[in-house]
Amino acid sequence: AVVSSSSGAAAAGGGGGKPPRKKAVVVLNMSAETRP
Protein backbone atom coordinates (compact mmCIF):
# COMPACT_ATOMS: atom_id res chain seq x y z
CA ALA A 1 0.00 0.00 0.00
CA VAL A 2 2.95 2.28 0.64
CA VAL A 3 4.68 3.02 -2.66
CA SER A 4 7.57 5.19 -3.74
CA SER A 5 6.86 8.90 -3.59
CA SER A 6 8.74 12.14 -3.28
CA SER A 7 6.45 13.14 -0.43
CA GLY A 8 6.04 11.10 2.74
CA ALA A 9 2.36 12.05 3.01
CA ALA A 10 1.48 10.65 -0.39
CA ALA A 11 3.52 7.52 0.25
CA ALA A 12 1.71 6.96 3.50
CA GLY A 13 -1.64 7.18 1.76
CA GLY A 14 -2.45 10.69 2.90
CA GLY A 15 -3.35 13.71 0.71
CA GLY A 16 -4.13 12.77 -2.98
CA GLY A 17 -5.87 9.50 -2.21
CA LYS A 18 -4.65 5.93 -2.05
CA PRO A 19 -2.57 4.93 -5.10
CA PRO A 20 -3.58 1.73 -6.93
CA ARG A 21 -1.63 -1.40 -6.15
CA LYS A 22 0.43 -2.98 -8.89
CA LYS A 23 0.01 -6.71 -9.43
CA ALA A 24 1.80 -9.51 -11.24
CA VAL A 25 0.77 -13.11 -11.83
CA VAL A 26 3.65 -15.57 -12.15
CA VAL A 27 2.80 -18.87 -13.87
CA LEU A 28 5.36 -21.68 -14.01
CA ASN A 29 4.73 -25.04 -15.62
CA MET A 30 7.06 -27.25 -13.61
CA SER A 31 6.43 -30.37 -15.63
CA ALA A 32 7.36 -31.88 -18.99
CA GLU A 33 3.73 -31.83 -20.18
CA THR A 34 1.73 -29.01 -21.78
CA ARG A 35 -0.65 -27.48 -19.24
CA PRO A 36 -3.52 -24.97 -19.51
ModelCIF file with pLDDT and N, C-alpha, C, O atoms, coordinates in Angstrom:
data_MODEL
#
_entry.id   MODEL 
#
_entity.id                         1 
_entity.type                       polymer 
_entity.pdbx_number_of_molecules   1 
#
_entity_poly.entity_id                      1 
_entity_poly.type                           'polypeptide(L)' 
_entity_poly.nstd_linkage                   no 
_entity_poly.nstd_monomer                   no 
_entity_poly.pdbx_seq_one_letter_code       AVVSSSSGAAAAGGGGGKPPRKKAVVVLNMSAETRP 
_entity_poly.pdbx_seq_one_letter_code_can   AVVSSSSGAAAAGGGGGKPPRKKAVVVLNMSAETRP 
_entity_poly.pdbx_strand_id                 A 
#
loop_
_entity_poly_seq.entity_id 
_entity_poly_seq.num 
_entity_poly_seq.mon_id 
_entity_poly_seq.hetero 
1 1  ALA n 
1 2  VAL n 
1 3  VAL n 
1 4  SER n 
1 5  SER n 
1 6  SER n 
1 7  SER n 
1 8  GLY n 
1 9  ALA n 
1 10 ALA n 
1 11 ALA n 
1 12 ALA n 
1 13 GLY n 
1 14 GLY n 
1 15 GLY n 
1 16 GLY n 
1 17 GLY n 
1 18 LYS n 
1 19 PRO n 
1 20 PRO n 
1 21 ARG n 
1 22 LYS n 
1 23 LYS n 
1 24 ALA n 
1 25 VAL n 
1 26 VAL n 
1 27 VAL n 
1 28 LEU n 
1 29 ASN n 
1 30 MET n 
1 31 SER n 
1 32 ALA n 
1 33 GLU n 
1 34 THR n 
1 35 ARG n 
1 36 PRO n 
#
_struct_asym.id          A 
_struct_asym.entity_id   1 
#
loop_
_ma_qa_metric.id 
_ma_qa_metric.mode 
_ma_qa_metric.name 
_ma_qa_metric.software_group_id 
_ma_qa_metric.type 
1 global pLDDT . pLDDT 
2 local  pLDDT . pLDDT 
#
_ma_qa_metric_global.metric_id      1 
_ma_qa_metric_global.metric_value   69.19 
_ma_qa_metric_global.model_id       1 
_ma_qa_metric_global.ordinal_id     1 
#
loop_
_ma_qa_metric_local.label_asym_id 
_ma_qa_metric_local.label_comp_id 
_ma_qa_metric_local.label_seq_id 
_ma_qa_metric_local.metric_id 
_ma_qa_metric_local.metric_value 
_ma_qa_metric_local.model_id 
_ma_qa_metric_local.ordinal_id 
A ALA 1  2 63.00 1 1  
A VAL 2  2 47.00 1 2  
A VAL 3  2 42.00 1 3  
A SER 4  2 43.00 1 4  
A SER 5  2 43.00 1 5  
A SER 6  2 42.00 1 6  
A SER 7  2 39.00 1 7  
A GLY 8  2 42.00 1 8  
A ALA 9  2 40.00 1 9  
A ALA 10 2 41.00 1 10 
A ALA 11 2 41.00 1 11 
A ALA 12 2 40.00 1 12 
A GLY 13 2 41.00 1 13 
A GLY 14 2 43.00 1 14 
A GLY 15 2 45.00 1 15 
A GLY 16 2 51.00 1 16 
A GLY 17 2 55.00 1 17 
A LYS 18 2 59.00 1 18 
A PRO 19 2 61.00 1 19 
A PRO 20 2 70.00 1 20 
A ARG 21 2 84.00 1 21 
A LYS 22 2 93.00 1 22 
A LYS 23 2 95.00 1 23 
A ALA 24 2 97.00 1 24 
A VAL 25 2 97.00 1 25 
A VAL 26 2 98.00 1 26 
A VAL 27 2 98.00 1 27 
A LEU 28 2 98.00 1 28 
A ASN 29 2 98.00 1 29 
A MET 30 2 98.00 1 30 
A SER 31 2 98.00 1 31 
A ALA 32 2 98.00 1 32 
A GLU 33 2 98.00 1 33 
A THR 34 2 98.00 1 34 
A ARG 35 2 98.00 1 35 
A PRO 36 2 97.00 1 36 
#
loop_
_atom_site.group_PDB 
_atom_site.id 
_atom_site.type_symbol 
_atom_site.label_atom_id 
_atom_site.label_alt_id 
_atom_site.label_comp_id 
_atom_site.label_asym_id 
_atom_site.label_entity_id 
_atom_site.label_seq_id 
_atom_site.pdbx_PDB_ins_code 
_atom_site.Cartn_x 
_atom_site.Cartn_y 
_atom_site.Cartn_z 
_atom_site.occupancy 
_atom_site.B_iso_or_equiv 
_atom_site.pdbx_formal_charge 
_atom_site.auth_seq_id 
_atom_site.auth_comp_id 
_atom_site.auth_asym_id 
_atom_site.auth_atom_id 
_atom_site.pdbx_PDB_model_num 
ATOM 1   N N  . ALA A 1 1  ? 0.833  -1.207  0.000   1.00 63.00 ? 1  ALA A N  1 
ATOM 2   C CA . ALA A 1 1  ? 0.000  0.000   0.000   1.00 63.00 ? 1  ALA A CA 1 
ATOM 3   C C  . ALA A 1 1  ? 0.858  1.243   0.000   1.00 63.00 ? 1  ALA A C  1 
ATOM 4   O O  . ALA A 1 1  ? 0.468  2.271   -0.553  1.00 63.00 ? 1  ALA A O  1 
ATOM 5   N N  . VAL A 1 2  ? 2.028  1.158   0.617   1.00 47.00 ? 2  VAL A N  1 
ATOM 6   C CA . VAL A 1 2  ? 2.948  2.282   0.637   1.00 47.00 ? 2  VAL A CA 1 
ATOM 7   C C  . VAL A 1 2  ? 3.879  2.128   -0.550  1.00 47.00 ? 2  VAL A C  1 
ATOM 8   O O  . VAL A 1 2  ? 4.599  1.133   -0.643  1.00 47.00 ? 2  VAL A O  1 
ATOM 9   N N  . VAL A 1 3  ? 3.879  3.093   -1.459  1.00 42.00 ? 3  VAL A N  1 
ATOM 10  C CA . VAL A 1 3  ? 4.679  3.019   -2.657  1.00 42.00 ? 3  VAL A CA 1 
ATOM 11  C C  . VAL A 1 3  ? 5.643  4.184   -2.676  1.00 42.00 ? 3  VAL A C  1 
ATOM 12  O O  . VAL A 1 3  ? 5.543  5.106   -1.867  1.00 42.00 ? 3  VAL A O  1 
ATOM 13  N N  . SER A 1 4  ? 6.586  4.133   -3.615  1.00 43.00 ? 4  SER A N  1 
ATOM 14  C CA . SER A 1 4  ? 7.574  5.189   -3.739  1.00 43.00 ? 4  SER A CA 1 
ATOM 15  C C  . SER A 1 4  ? 6.898  6.524   -4.008  1.00 43.00 ? 4  SER A C  1 
ATOM 16  O O  . SER A 1 4  ? 5.924  6.601   -4.757  1.00 43.00 ? 4  SER A O  1 
ATOM 17  N N  . SER A 1 5  ? 7.418  7.563   -3.396  1.00 43.00 ? 5  SER A N  1 
ATOM 18  C CA . SER A 1 5  ? 6.861  8.901   -3.593  1.00 43.00 ? 5  SER A CA 1 
ATOM 19  C C  . SER A 1 5  ? 7.869  9.916   -3.123  1.00 43.00 ? 5  SER A C  1 
ATOM 20  O O  . SER A 1 5  ? 8.664  9.635   -2.226  1.00 43.00 ? 5  SER A O  1 
ATOM 21  N N  . SER A 1 6  ? 7.847  11.080  -3.708  1.00 42.00 ? 6  SER A N  1 
ATOM 22  C CA . SER A 1 6  ? 8.737  12.144  -3.279  1.00 42.00 ? 6  SER A CA 1 
ATOM 23  C C  . SER A 1 6  ? 8.238  12.802  -2.017  1.00 42.00 ? 6  SER A C  1 
ATOM 24  O O  . SER A 1 6  ? 8.984  13.529  -1.360  1.00 42.00 ? 6  SER A O  1 
ATOM 25  N N  . SER A 1 7  ? 6.983  12.559  -1.663  1.00 39.00 ? 7  SER A N  1 
ATOM 26  C CA . SER A 1 7  ? 6.445  13.142  -0.427  1.00 39.00 ? 7  SER A CA 1 
ATOM 27  C C  . SER A 1 7  ? 5.997  12.041  0.497   1.00 39.00 ? 7  SER A C  1 
ATOM 28  O O  . SER A 1 7  ? 5.289  11.123  0.083   1.00 39.00 ? 7  SER A O  1 
ATOM 29  N N  . GLY A 1 8  ? 6.408  12.129  1.765   1.00 42.00 ? 8  GLY A N  1 
ATOM 30  C CA . GLY A 1 8  ? 6.037  11.103  2.736   1.00 42.00 ? 8  GLY A CA 1 
ATOM 31  C C  . GLY A 1 8  ? 4.540  10.997  2.887   1.00 42.00 ? 8  GLY A C  1 
ATOM 32  O O  . GLY A 1 8  ? 4.030  9.894   3.083   1.00 42.00 ? 8  GLY A O  1 
ATOM 33  N N  . ALA A 1 9  ? 3.808  12.099  2.804   1.00 40.00 ? 9  ALA A N  1 
ATOM 34  C CA . ALA A 1 9  ? 2.363  12.054  3.014   1.00 40.00 ? 9  ALA A CA 1 
ATOM 35  C C  . ALA A 1 9  ? 1.684  11.222  1.944   1.00 40.00 ? 9  ALA A C  1 
ATOM 36  O O  . ALA A 1 9  ? 0.807  10.410  2.241   1.00 40.00 ? 9  ALA A O  1 
ATOM 37  N N  . ALA A 1 10 ? 2.094  11.425  0.691   1.00 41.00 ? 10 ALA A N  1 
ATOM 38  C CA . ALA A 1 10 ? 1.484  10.655  -0.386  1.00 41.00 ? 10 ALA A CA 1 
ATOM 39  C C  . ALA A 1 10 ? 1.836  9.188   -0.253  1.00 41.00 ? 10 ALA A C  1 
ATOM 40  O O  . ALA A 1 10 ? 0.993  8.317   -0.469  1.00 41.00 ? 10 ALA A O  1 
ATOM 41  N N  . ALA A 1 11 ? 3.102  8.911   0.110   1.00 41.00 ? 11 ALA A N  1 
ATOM 42  C CA . ALA A 1 11 ? 3.524  7.520   0.247   1.00 41.00 ? 11 ALA A CA 1 
ATOM 43  C C  . ALA A 1 11 ? 2.779  6.823   1.364   1.00 41.00 ? 11 ALA A C  1 
ATOM 44  O O  . ALA A 1 11 ? 2.538  5.618   1.298   1.00 41.00 ? 11 ALA A O  1 
ATOM 45  N N  . ALA A 1 12 ? 2.416  7.566   2.381   1.00 40.00 ? 12 ALA A N  1 
ATOM 46  C CA . ALA A 1 12 ? 1.713  6.960   3.501   1.00 40.00 ? 12 ALA A CA 1 
ATOM 47  C C  . ALA A 1 12 ? 0.214  6.878   3.269   1.00 40.00 ? 12 ALA A C  1 
ATOM 48  O O  . ALA A 1 12 ? -0.530 6.448   4.149   1.00 40.00 ? 12 ALA A O  1 
ATOM 49  N N  . GLY A 1 13 ? -0.229 7.285   2.099   1.00 41.00 ? 13 GLY A N  1 
ATOM 50  C CA . GLY A 1 13 ? -1.638 7.178   1.764   1.00 41.00 ? 13 GLY A CA 1 
ATOM 51  C C  . GLY A 1 13 ? -2.427 8.413   2.129   1.00 41.00 ? 13 GLY A C  1 
ATOM 52  O O  . GLY A 1 13 ? -3.654 8.421   2.023   1.00 41.00 ? 13 GLY A O  1 
ATOM 53  N N  . GLY A 1 14 ? -1.735 9.466   2.561   1.00 43.00 ? 14 GLY A N  1 
ATOM 54  C CA . GLY A 1 14 ? -2.446 10.694  2.901   1.00 43.00 ? 14 GLY A CA 1 
ATOM 55  C C  . GLY A 1 14 ? -2.446 11.658  1.746   1.00 43.00 ? 14 GLY A C  1 
ATOM 56  O O  . GLY A 1 14 ? -1.672 11.467  0.808   1.00 43.00 ? 14 GLY A O  1 
ATOM 57  N N  . GLY A 1 15 ? -3.270 12.684  1.759   1.00 45.00 ? 15 GLY A N  1 
ATOM 58  C CA . GLY A 1 15 ? -3.351 13.708  0.714   1.00 45.00 ? 15 GLY A CA 1 
ATOM 59  C C  . GLY A 1 15 ? -3.780 13.130  -0.598  1.00 45.00 ? 15 GLY A C  1 
ATOM 60  O O  . GLY A 1 15 ? -4.150 11.993  -0.304  1.00 45.00 ? 15 GLY A O  1 
ATOM 61  N N  . GLY A 1 16 ? -3.904 13.264  -1.647  1.00 51.00 ? 16 GLY A N  1 
ATOM 62  C CA . GLY A 1 16 ? -4.133 12.774  -2.981  1.00 51.00 ? 16 GLY A CA 1 
ATOM 63  C C  . GLY A 1 16 ? -4.739 11.405  -3.141  1.00 51.00 ? 16 GLY A C  1 
ATOM 64  O O  . GLY A 1 16 ? -4.795 10.898  -4.261  1.00 51.00 ? 16 GLY A O  1 
ATOM 65  N N  . GLY A 1 17 ? -5.195 10.781  -2.074  1.00 55.00 ? 17 GLY A N  1 
ATOM 66  C CA . GLY A 1 17 ? -5.872 9.499   -2.207  1.00 55.00 ? 17 GLY A CA 1 
ATOM 67  C C  . GLY A 1 17 ? -4.906 8.336   -2.220  1.00 55.00 ? 17 GLY A C  1 
ATOM 68  O O  . GLY A 1 17 ? -3.694 8.519   -2.326  1.00 55.00 ? 17 GLY A O  1 
ATOM 69  N N  . LYS A 1 18 ? -5.446 7.151   -2.112  1.00 59.00 ? 18 LYS A N  1 
ATOM 70  C CA . LYS A 1 18 ? -4.652 5.931   -2.050  1.00 59.00 ? 18 LYS A CA 1 
ATOM 71  C C  . LYS A 1 18 ? -4.271 5.473   -3.445  1.00 59.00 ? 18 LYS A C  1 
ATOM 72  O O  . LYS A 1 18 ? -5.159 5.232   -4.263  1.00 59.00 ? 18 LYS A O  1 
ATOM 73  N N  . PRO A 1 19 ? -2.974 5.341   -3.751  1.00 61.00 ? 19 PRO A N  1 
ATOM 74  C CA . PRO A 1 19 ? -2.565 4.930   -5.097  1.00 61.00 ? 19 PRO A CA 1 
ATOM 75  C C  . PRO A 1 19 ? -2.943 3.477   -5.358  1.00 61.00 ? 19 PRO A C  1 
ATOM 76  O O  . PRO A 1 19 ? -2.987 2.679   -4.422  1.00 61.00 ? 19 PRO A O  1 
ATOM 77  N N  . PRO A 1 20 ? -3.214 3.117   -6.607  1.00 70.00 ? 20 PRO A N  1 
ATOM 78  C CA . PRO A 1 20 ? -3.580 1.730   -6.927  1.00 70.00 ? 20 PRO A CA 1 
ATOM 79  C C  . PRO A 1 20 ? -2.392 0.800   -6.721  1.00 70.00 ? 20 PRO A C  1 
ATOM 80  O O  . PRO A 1 20 ? -1.242 1.187   -6.927  1.00 70.00 ? 20 PRO A O  1 
ATOM 81  N N  . ARG A 1 21 ? -2.682 -0.414  -6.318  1.00 84.00 ? 21 ARG A N  1 
ATOM 82  C CA . ARG A 1 21 ? -1.628 -1.401  -6.150  1.00 84.00 ? 21 ARG A CA 1 
ATOM 83  C C  . ARG A 1 21 ? -1.298 -2.047  -7.485  1.00 84.00 ? 21 ARG A C  1 
ATOM 84  O O  . ARG A 1 21 ? -2.179 -2.316  -8.301  1.00 84.00 ? 21 ARG A O  1 
ATOM 85  N N  . LYS A 1 22 ? -0.015 -2.288  -7.689  1.00 93.00 ? 22 LYS A N  1 
ATOM 86  C CA . LYS A 1 22 ? 0.435  -2.982  -8.892  1.00 93.00 ? 22 LYS A CA 1 
ATOM 87  C C  . LYS A 1 22 ? 0.469  -4.479  -8.599  1.00 93.00 ? 22 LYS A C  1 
ATOM 88  O O  . LYS A 1 22 ? 0.825  -4.910  -7.502  1.00 93.00 ? 22 LYS A O  1 
ATOM 89  N N  . LYS A 1 23 ? 0.092  -5.254  -9.606  1.00 95.00 ? 23 LYS A N  1 
ATOM 90  C CA . LYS A 1 23 ? 0.010  -6.705  -9.429  1.00 95.00 ? 23 LYS A CA 1 
ATOM 91  C C  . LYS A 1 23 ? 0.703  -7.433  -10.572 1.00 95.00 ? 23 LYS A C  1 
ATOM 92  O O  . LYS A 1 23 ? 0.769  -6.949  -11.702 1.00 95.00 ? 23 LYS A O  1 
ATOM 93  N N  . ALA A 1 24 ? 1.221  -8.618  -10.238 1.00 97.00 ? 24 ALA A N  1 
ATOM 94  C CA . ALA A 1 24 ? 1.800  -9.509  -11.236 1.00 97.00 ? 24 ALA A CA 1 
ATOM 95  C C  . ALA A 1 24 ? 1.330  -10.926 -10.935 1.00 97.00 ? 24 ALA A C  1 
ATOM 96  O O  . ALA A 1 24 ? 1.202  -11.314 -9.773  1.00 97.00 ? 24 ALA A O  1 
ATOM 97  N N  . VAL A 1 25 ? 1.076  -11.689 -11.981 1.00 97.00 ? 25 VAL A N  1 
ATOM 98  C CA . VAL A 1 25 ? 0.772  -13.114 -11.827 1.00 97.00 ? 25 VAL A CA 1 
ATOM 99  C C  . VAL A 1 25 ? 1.908  -13.887 -12.469 1.00 97.00 ? 25 VAL A C  1 
ATOM 100 O O  . VAL A 1 25 ? 2.200  -13.720 -13.654 1.00 97.00 ? 25 VAL A O  1 
ATOM 101 N N  . VAL A 1 26 ? 2.545  -14.734 -11.676 1.00 98.00 ? 26 VAL A N  1 
ATOM 102 C CA . VAL A 1 26 ? 3.645  -15.573 -12.151 1.00 98.00 ? 26 VAL A CA 1 
ATOM 103 C C  . VAL A 1 26 ? 3.101  -16.983 -12.357 1.00 98.00 ? 26 VAL A C  1 
ATOM 104 O O  . VAL A 1 26 ? 2.515  -17.561 -11.442 1.00 98.00 ? 26 VAL A O  1 
ATOM 105 N N  . VAL A 1 27 ? 3.290  -17.536 -13.550 1.00 98.00 ? 27 VAL A N  1 
ATOM 106 C CA . VAL A 1 27 ? 2.797  -18.866 -13.872 1.00 98.00 ? 27 VAL A CA 1 
ATOM 107 C C  . VAL A 1 27 ? 3.969  -19.709 -14.364 1.00 98.00 ? 27 VAL A C  1 
ATOM 108 O O  . VAL A 1 27 ? 4.603  -19.377 -15.366 1.00 98.00 ? 27 VAL A O  1 
ATOM 109 N N  . LEU A 1 28 ? 4.251  -20.792 -13.661 1.00 98.00 ? 28 LEU A N  1 
ATOM 110 C CA . LEU A 1 28 ? 5.358  -21.679 -14.014 1.00 98.00 ? 28 LEU A CA 1 
ATOM 111 C C  . LEU A 1 28 ? 4.823  -23.086 -14.213 1.00 98.00 ? 28 LEU A C  1 
ATOM 112 O O  . LEU A 1 28 ? 4.202  -23.655 -13.315 1.00 98.00 ? 28 LEU A O  1 
ATOM 113 N N  . ASN A 1 29 ? 5.063  -23.640 -15.384 1.00 98.00 ? 29 ASN A N  1 
ATOM 114 C CA . ASN A 1 29 ? 4.728  -25.044 -15.624 1.00 98.00 ? 29 ASN A CA 1 
ATOM 115 C C  . ASN A 1 29 ? 5.948  -25.874 -15.251 1.00 98.00 ? 29 ASN A C  1 
ATOM 116 O O  . ASN A 1 29 ? 6.908  -25.950 -16.017 1.00 98.00 ? 29 ASN A O  1 
ATOM 117 N N  . MET A 1 30 ? 5.914  -26.491 -14.085 1.00 98.00 ? 30 MET A N  1 
ATOM 118 C CA . MET A 1 30 ? 7.057  -27.249 -13.605 1.00 98.00 ? 30 MET A CA 1 
ATOM 119 C C  . MET A 1 30 ? 6.886  -28.733 -13.902 1.00 98.00 ? 30 MET A C  1 
ATOM 120 O O  . MET A 1 30 ? 7.022  -29.592 -13.030 1.00 98.00 ? 30 MET A O  1 
ATOM 121 N N  . SER A 1 31 ? 6.583  -28.997 -15.166 1.00 98.00 ? 31 SER A N  1 
ATOM 122 C CA . SER A 1 31 ? 6.426  -30.375 -15.629 1.00 98.00 ? 31 SER A CA 1 
ATOM 123 C C  . SER A 1 31 ? 6.831  -30.451 -17.090 1.00 98.00 ? 31 SER A C  1 
ATOM 124 O O  . SER A 1 31 ? 7.010  -29.426 -17.748 1.00 98.00 ? 31 SER A O  1 
ATOM 125 N N  . ALA A 1 32 ? 6.975  -31.666 -17.591 1.00 98.00 ? 32 ALA A N  1 
ATOM 126 C CA . ALA A 1 32 ? 7.361  -31.879 -18.988 1.00 98.00 ? 32 ALA A CA 1 
ATOM 127 C C  . ALA A 1 32 ? 6.158  -32.005 -19.908 1.00 98.00 ? 32 ALA A C  1 
ATOM 128 O O  . ALA A 1 32 ? 6.313  -32.340 -21.082 1.00 98.00 ? 32 ALA A O  1 
ATOM 129 N N  . GLU A 1 33 ? 4.954  -31.739 -19.392 1.00 98.00 ? 33 GLU A N  1 
ATOM 130 C CA . GLU A 1 33 ? 3.732  -31.833 -20.178 1.00 98.00 ? 33 GLU A CA 1 
ATOM 131 C C  . GLU A 1 33 ? 3.119  -30.447 -20.390 1.00 98.00 ? 33 GLU A C  1 
ATOM 132 O O  . GLU A 1 33 ? 3.244  -29.572 -19.533 1.00 98.00 ? 33 GLU A O  1 
ATOM 133 N N  . THR A 1 34 ? 2.459  -30.251 -21.534 1.00 98.00 ? 34 THR A N  1 
ATOM 134 C CA . THR A 1 34 ? 1.731  -29.005 -21.780 1.00 98.00 ? 34 THR A CA 1 
ATOM 135 C C  . THR A 1 34 ? 0.566  -28.893 -20.799 1.00 98.00 ? 34 THR A C  1 
ATOM 136 O O  . THR A 1 34 ? -0.153 -29.863 -20.558 1.00 98.00 ? 34 THR A O  1 
ATOM 137 N N  . ARG A 1 35 ? 0.390  -27.694 -20.237 1.00 98.00 ? 35 ARG A N  1 
ATOM 138 C CA . ARG A 1 35 ? -0.649 -27.485 -19.239 1.00 98.00 ? 35 ARG A CA 1 
ATOM 139 C C  . ARG A 1 35 ? -1.429 -26.218 -19.558 1.00 98.00 ? 35 ARG A C  1 
ATOM 140 O O  . ARG A 1 35 ? -0.847 -25.250 -20.048 1.00 98.00 ? 35 ARG A O  1 
ATOM 141 N N  . PRO A 1 36 ? -2.750 -26.200 -19.288 1.00 97.00 ? 36 PRO A N  1 
ATOM 142 C CA . PRO A 1 36 ? -3.517 -24.967 -19.512 1.00 97.00 ? 36 PRO A CA 1 
ATOM 143 C C  . PRO A 1 36 ? -3.088 -23.887 -18.527 1.00 97.00 ? 36 PRO A C  1 
ATOM 144 O O  . PRO A 1 36 ? -3.619 -22.777 -18.557 1.00 97.00 ? 36 PRO A O  1 
#
